[in-house]
N, C-alpha and C. Protein backbone atom coordinates (compact mmCIF):
# COMPACT_ATOMS: atom_id res chain seq x y z
N MET A 1 -7.14 2.51 31.79
CA MET A 1 -7.48 3.59 32.72
C MET A 1 -8.89 3.40 33.27
N VAL A 2 -9.02 3.73 34.54
CA VAL A 2 -10.33 3.61 35.19
C VAL A 2 -11.26 4.65 34.60
N GLU A 3 -12.43 4.19 34.16
CA GLU A 3 -13.40 5.06 33.49
C GLU A 3 -14.11 5.97 34.48
N GLU A 4 -14.24 7.24 34.11
CA GLU A 4 -15.04 8.18 34.90
C GLU A 4 -16.49 8.07 34.44
N ILE A 5 -17.40 7.95 35.41
CA ILE A 5 -18.81 7.80 35.09
C ILE A 5 -19.62 8.94 35.70
N THR A 6 -20.88 9.03 35.29
CA THR A 6 -21.79 10.03 35.85
C THR A 6 -22.82 9.31 36.72
N GLU A 7 -23.62 10.10 37.38
CA GLU A 7 -24.66 9.53 38.24
C GLU A 7 -25.61 8.63 37.44
N LYS A 8 -25.87 8.98 36.18
CA LYS A 8 -26.76 8.18 35.34
C LYS A 8 -26.23 6.76 35.17
N GLU A 9 -24.92 6.62 35.04
CA GLU A 9 -24.31 5.31 34.81
C GLU A 9 -24.04 4.55 36.11
N PHE A 10 -24.04 5.26 37.22
CA PHE A 10 -23.63 4.72 38.52
C PHE A 10 -24.38 3.44 38.89
N TYR A 11 -25.69 3.48 38.90
CA TYR A 11 -26.49 2.34 39.37
C TYR A 11 -26.34 1.12 38.46
N LYS A 12 -26.17 1.38 37.17
CA LYS A 12 -25.96 0.29 36.22
C LYS A 12 -24.61 -0.39 36.50
N ARG A 13 -23.61 0.42 36.84
CA ARG A 13 -22.26 -0.12 37.07
C ARG A 13 -22.15 -0.95 38.35
N ILE A 14 -22.88 -0.56 39.40
CA ILE A 14 -22.74 -1.27 40.68
C ILE A 14 -23.69 -2.46 40.80
N LYS A 15 -24.58 -2.62 39.84
CA LYS A 15 -25.66 -3.60 39.93
C LYS A 15 -25.19 -5.05 40.07
N ASP A 16 -24.21 -5.46 39.29
CA ASP A 16 -23.79 -6.86 39.26
C ASP A 16 -22.32 -7.03 39.63
N GLY A 17 -22.04 -8.04 40.44
CA GLY A 17 -20.66 -8.38 40.79
C GLY A 17 -20.03 -7.41 41.76
N LEU A 18 -18.70 -7.46 41.83
CA LEU A 18 -17.93 -6.58 42.69
C LEU A 18 -17.51 -5.35 41.91
N THR A 19 -17.76 -4.18 42.48
CA THR A 19 -17.40 -2.92 41.83
C THR A 19 -16.80 -1.98 42.85
N VAL A 20 -15.68 -1.36 42.48
CA VAL A 20 -15.06 -0.32 43.30
C VAL A 20 -15.35 1.02 42.64
N ILE A 21 -15.95 1.92 43.41
CA ILE A 21 -16.18 3.28 42.92
C ILE A 21 -15.24 4.22 43.68
N ASP A 22 -14.47 4.98 42.94
CA ASP A 22 -13.55 5.98 43.49
C ASP A 22 -14.27 7.33 43.44
N PHE A 23 -14.65 7.84 44.61
CA PHE A 23 -15.21 9.19 44.71
C PHE A 23 -14.03 10.15 44.82
N PHE A 24 -13.89 11.05 43.84
CA PHE A 24 -12.71 11.90 43.77
C PHE A 24 -13.07 13.31 43.31
N ALA A 25 -12.08 14.20 43.32
CA ALA A 25 -12.22 15.54 42.73
C ALA A 25 -10.91 15.88 42.04
N GLU A 26 -11.00 16.67 40.99
CA GLU A 26 -9.82 17.04 40.21
C GLU A 26 -8.82 17.87 40.99
N TRP A 27 -9.27 18.62 41.99
CA TRP A 27 -8.41 19.51 42.76
C TRP A 27 -7.78 18.81 43.97
N CYS A 28 -8.14 17.56 44.20
CA CYS A 28 -7.71 16.81 45.39
C CYS A 28 -6.37 16.12 45.13
N MET A 29 -5.32 16.56 45.85
CA MET A 29 -3.99 16.01 45.64
C MET A 29 -3.91 14.50 45.94
N PRO A 30 -4.46 14.01 47.07
CA PRO A 30 -4.43 12.56 47.29
C PRO A 30 -5.19 11.78 46.20
N CYS A 31 -6.25 12.38 45.66
CA CYS A 31 -6.99 11.74 44.56
C CYS A 31 -6.09 11.60 43.34
N LEU A 32 -5.34 12.65 43.03
CA LEU A 32 -4.45 12.63 41.87
C LEU A 32 -3.33 11.61 42.08
N MET A 33 -2.86 11.48 43.34
CA MET A 33 -1.82 10.50 43.65
C MET A 33 -2.36 9.07 43.48
N MET A 34 -3.63 8.86 43.75
CA MET A 34 -4.22 7.54 43.68
C MET A 34 -4.57 7.10 42.25
N ALA A 35 -4.69 8.03 41.33
CA ALA A 35 -5.11 7.70 39.97
C ALA A 35 -4.24 6.62 39.31
N PRO A 36 -2.90 6.76 39.31
CA PRO A 36 -2.10 5.70 38.67
C PRO A 36 -2.16 4.37 39.44
N ILE A 37 -2.31 4.45 40.76
CA ILE A 37 -2.43 3.24 41.58
C ILE A 37 -3.73 2.52 41.25
N LEU A 38 -4.81 3.29 41.11
CA LEU A 38 -6.10 2.71 40.76
C LEU A 38 -6.03 2.02 39.40
N ASP A 39 -5.36 2.66 38.43
CA ASP A 39 -5.19 2.08 37.10
C ASP A 39 -4.42 0.76 37.18
N GLU A 40 -3.36 0.74 37.99
CA GLU A 40 -2.53 -0.46 38.16
C GLU A 40 -3.34 -1.60 38.80
N VAL A 41 -4.08 -1.27 39.83
CA VAL A 41 -4.87 -2.28 40.55
C VAL A 41 -6.01 -2.79 39.65
N GLU A 42 -6.60 -1.90 38.88
CA GLU A 42 -7.66 -2.32 37.94
C GLU A 42 -7.12 -3.38 36.98
N GLU A 43 -5.92 -3.17 36.50
CA GLU A 43 -5.31 -4.12 35.56
C GLU A 43 -5.11 -5.48 36.22
N LYS A 44 -4.66 -5.49 37.47
CA LYS A 44 -4.42 -6.75 38.19
C LYS A 44 -5.71 -7.52 38.48
N PHE A 45 -6.80 -6.80 38.72
CA PHE A 45 -8.06 -7.45 39.09
C PHE A 45 -9.04 -7.55 37.92
N LYS A 46 -8.54 -7.31 36.71
CA LYS A 46 -9.38 -7.35 35.51
C LYS A 46 -10.16 -8.66 35.44
N GLY A 47 -11.46 -8.57 35.19
CA GLY A 47 -12.30 -9.75 35.09
C GLY A 47 -12.85 -10.23 36.43
N LYS A 48 -12.32 -9.68 37.53
CA LYS A 48 -12.77 -10.08 38.86
C LYS A 48 -13.51 -8.96 39.58
N ILE A 49 -13.00 -7.74 39.41
CA ILE A 49 -13.59 -6.56 40.05
C ILE A 49 -13.72 -5.47 39.00
N ASN A 50 -14.86 -4.79 38.97
CA ASN A 50 -15.06 -3.65 38.08
C ASN A 50 -14.65 -2.38 38.81
N PHE A 51 -14.12 -1.43 38.08
CA PHE A 51 -13.69 -0.16 38.66
C PHE A 51 -14.31 1.00 37.89
N ALA A 52 -14.64 2.06 38.61
CA ALA A 52 -15.10 3.31 37.99
C ALA A 52 -14.83 4.44 38.97
N LYS A 53 -14.78 5.64 38.45
CA LYS A 53 -14.59 6.80 39.33
C LYS A 53 -15.68 7.81 39.07
N ILE A 54 -16.03 8.54 40.12
CA ILE A 54 -17.10 9.52 39.99
C ILE A 54 -16.64 10.83 40.64
N ASN A 55 -16.73 11.90 39.88
CA ASN A 55 -16.29 13.22 40.34
C ASN A 55 -17.35 13.80 41.28
N VAL A 56 -16.96 14.06 42.53
CA VAL A 56 -17.93 14.54 43.53
C VAL A 56 -18.42 15.95 43.23
N ASP A 57 -17.62 16.74 42.53
CA ASP A 57 -18.06 18.09 42.19
C ASP A 57 -19.16 18.07 41.13
N ASP A 58 -19.06 17.14 40.19
CA ASP A 58 -20.04 17.03 39.11
C ASP A 58 -21.24 16.16 39.49
N ASN A 59 -21.09 15.35 40.52
CA ASN A 59 -22.13 14.39 40.92
C ASN A 59 -22.34 14.44 42.42
N SER A 60 -22.61 15.63 42.94
CA SER A 60 -22.68 15.83 44.39
C SER A 60 -23.85 15.09 45.04
N GLU A 61 -24.93 14.87 44.31
CA GLU A 61 -26.08 14.17 44.90
C GLU A 61 -25.74 12.74 45.27
N ILE A 62 -25.04 12.04 44.39
CA ILE A 62 -24.70 10.65 44.66
C ILE A 62 -23.65 10.58 45.78
N ALA A 63 -22.72 11.52 45.81
CA ALA A 63 -21.73 11.56 46.88
C ALA A 63 -22.42 11.79 48.22
N SER A 64 -23.38 12.69 48.23
CA SER A 64 -24.13 12.98 49.45
C SER A 64 -24.96 11.78 49.89
N LYS A 65 -25.60 11.13 48.93
CA LYS A 65 -26.44 9.96 49.23
C LYS A 65 -25.63 8.87 49.92
N TYR A 66 -24.38 8.70 49.50
CA TYR A 66 -23.52 7.66 50.08
C TYR A 66 -22.64 8.18 51.21
N GLY A 67 -22.90 9.41 51.66
CA GLY A 67 -22.20 9.93 52.82
C GLY A 67 -20.70 10.12 52.64
N VAL A 68 -20.29 10.48 51.44
CA VAL A 68 -18.87 10.70 51.17
C VAL A 68 -18.50 12.08 51.72
N MET A 69 -17.71 12.07 52.80
CA MET A 69 -17.35 13.31 53.47
C MET A 69 -15.92 13.76 53.15
N SER A 70 -15.05 12.80 52.82
CA SER A 70 -13.68 13.16 52.44
C SER A 70 -13.29 12.31 51.24
N ILE A 71 -12.31 12.83 50.51
CA ILE A 71 -11.91 12.15 49.28
C ILE A 71 -10.39 11.98 49.28
N PRO A 72 -9.88 10.98 48.60
CA PRO A 72 -10.65 9.97 47.88
C PRO A 72 -11.32 8.98 48.83
N THR A 73 -12.53 8.57 48.48
CA THR A 73 -13.22 7.50 49.19
C THR A 73 -13.50 6.41 48.16
N PHE A 74 -13.14 5.19 48.52
CA PHE A 74 -13.34 4.03 47.66
C PHE A 74 -14.43 3.18 48.28
N VAL A 75 -15.53 3.02 47.56
CA VAL A 75 -16.66 2.24 48.07
C VAL A 75 -16.75 0.96 47.24
N ILE A 76 -16.81 -0.17 47.95
CA ILE A 76 -16.93 -1.46 47.28
C ILE A 76 -18.38 -1.91 47.35
N PHE A 77 -18.92 -2.22 46.19
CA PHE A 77 -20.30 -2.71 46.09
C PHE A 77 -20.29 -4.15 45.61
N LYS A 78 -21.19 -4.94 46.15
CA LYS A 78 -21.41 -6.30 45.65
C LYS A 78 -22.88 -6.41 45.31
N ASP A 79 -23.15 -6.63 44.03
CA ASP A 79 -24.52 -6.74 43.53
C ASP A 79 -25.40 -5.58 44.00
N GLY A 80 -24.85 -4.36 43.93
CA GLY A 80 -25.61 -3.16 44.23
C GLY A 80 -25.61 -2.71 45.68
N LYS A 81 -25.03 -3.51 46.58
CA LYS A 81 -25.03 -3.14 48.00
C LYS A 81 -23.61 -2.83 48.45
N GLU A 82 -23.47 -1.74 49.22
CA GLU A 82 -22.17 -1.38 49.76
C GLU A 82 -21.73 -2.43 50.77
N ILE A 83 -20.50 -2.93 50.60
CA ILE A 83 -19.99 -3.92 51.56
C ILE A 83 -18.74 -3.42 52.29
N GLU A 84 -18.11 -2.36 51.81
CA GLU A 84 -16.89 -1.85 52.46
C GLU A 84 -16.56 -0.49 51.88
N ARG A 85 -15.80 0.27 52.63
CA ARG A 85 -15.26 1.53 52.11
C ARG A 85 -13.96 1.83 52.81
N PHE A 86 -13.09 2.53 52.12
CA PHE A 86 -11.87 3.04 52.72
C PHE A 86 -11.56 4.39 52.10
N THR A 87 -10.86 5.20 52.87
CA THR A 87 -10.64 6.59 52.49
C THR A 87 -9.16 6.94 52.56
N GLY A 88 -8.75 7.82 51.66
CA GLY A 88 -7.39 8.35 51.69
C GLY A 88 -6.45 7.65 50.75
N ALA A 89 -5.26 8.24 50.64
CA ALA A 89 -4.23 7.70 49.76
C ALA A 89 -3.58 6.49 50.43
N MET A 90 -3.15 5.54 49.60
CA MET A 90 -2.48 4.34 50.10
C MET A 90 -1.61 3.79 48.98
N THR A 91 -0.77 2.83 49.33
CA THR A 91 0.08 2.20 48.32
C THR A 91 -0.76 1.19 47.53
N SER A 92 -0.23 0.76 46.40
CA SER A 92 -0.95 -0.24 45.61
C SER A 92 -1.06 -1.55 46.39
N GLU A 93 -0.04 -1.85 47.20
CA GLU A 93 -0.09 -3.07 48.02
C GLU A 93 -1.23 -3.01 49.03
N GLN A 94 -1.37 -1.86 49.69
CA GLN A 94 -2.46 -1.69 50.66
C GLN A 94 -3.82 -1.78 49.97
N PHE A 95 -3.91 -1.15 48.81
CA PHE A 95 -5.16 -1.16 48.06
C PHE A 95 -5.53 -2.59 47.66
N GLU A 96 -4.54 -3.33 47.14
CA GLU A 96 -4.77 -4.72 46.75
C GLU A 96 -5.18 -5.57 47.95
N GLU A 97 -4.55 -5.34 49.07
CA GLU A 97 -4.87 -6.08 50.29
C GLU A 97 -6.32 -5.81 50.70
N ASN A 98 -6.74 -4.55 50.62
CA ASN A 98 -8.12 -4.18 50.96
C ASN A 98 -9.12 -4.89 50.05
N LEU A 99 -8.76 -5.09 48.79
CA LEU A 99 -9.66 -5.72 47.83
C LEU A 99 -9.60 -7.24 47.85
N GLY A 100 -8.42 -7.77 48.12
CA GLY A 100 -8.19 -9.20 48.04
C GLY A 100 -9.11 -10.03 48.90
N LYS A 101 -9.48 -9.51 50.05
CA LYS A 101 -10.33 -10.28 50.97
C LYS A 101 -11.74 -10.53 50.42
N PHE A 102 -12.13 -9.78 49.40
CA PHE A 102 -13.46 -9.96 48.81
C PHE A 102 -13.48 -10.97 47.69
N LEU A 103 -12.32 -11.51 47.34
CA LEU A 103 -12.23 -12.46 46.24
C LEU A 103 -12.13 -13.90 46.72
N LYS A 104 -12.23 -14.12 48.00
CA LYS A 104 -12.08 -15.47 48.55
C LYS A 104 -13.36 -16.26 48.43
């Protein structure tokens, strides 16, 4: 399962390599729909991409800093810098396709 982190852990997690952060909320239906897909994709990309999720209600400052206006928003970081983002629910195939281009 994709680990939920806090703002304190955020910068440490995105610092090295490729990391996908899922900005979500517990009350968000598309976020809940994406949870099992995120878990599945994390398993497929194990060792290549790190995954974590951050609750926007509990960590509003970091969500605001990164301009997260709608959820779920998936932000991809490489060595601490944002390189891509996508928003909304999608299939596991679409999610994998969005991530696959960063592994070439």
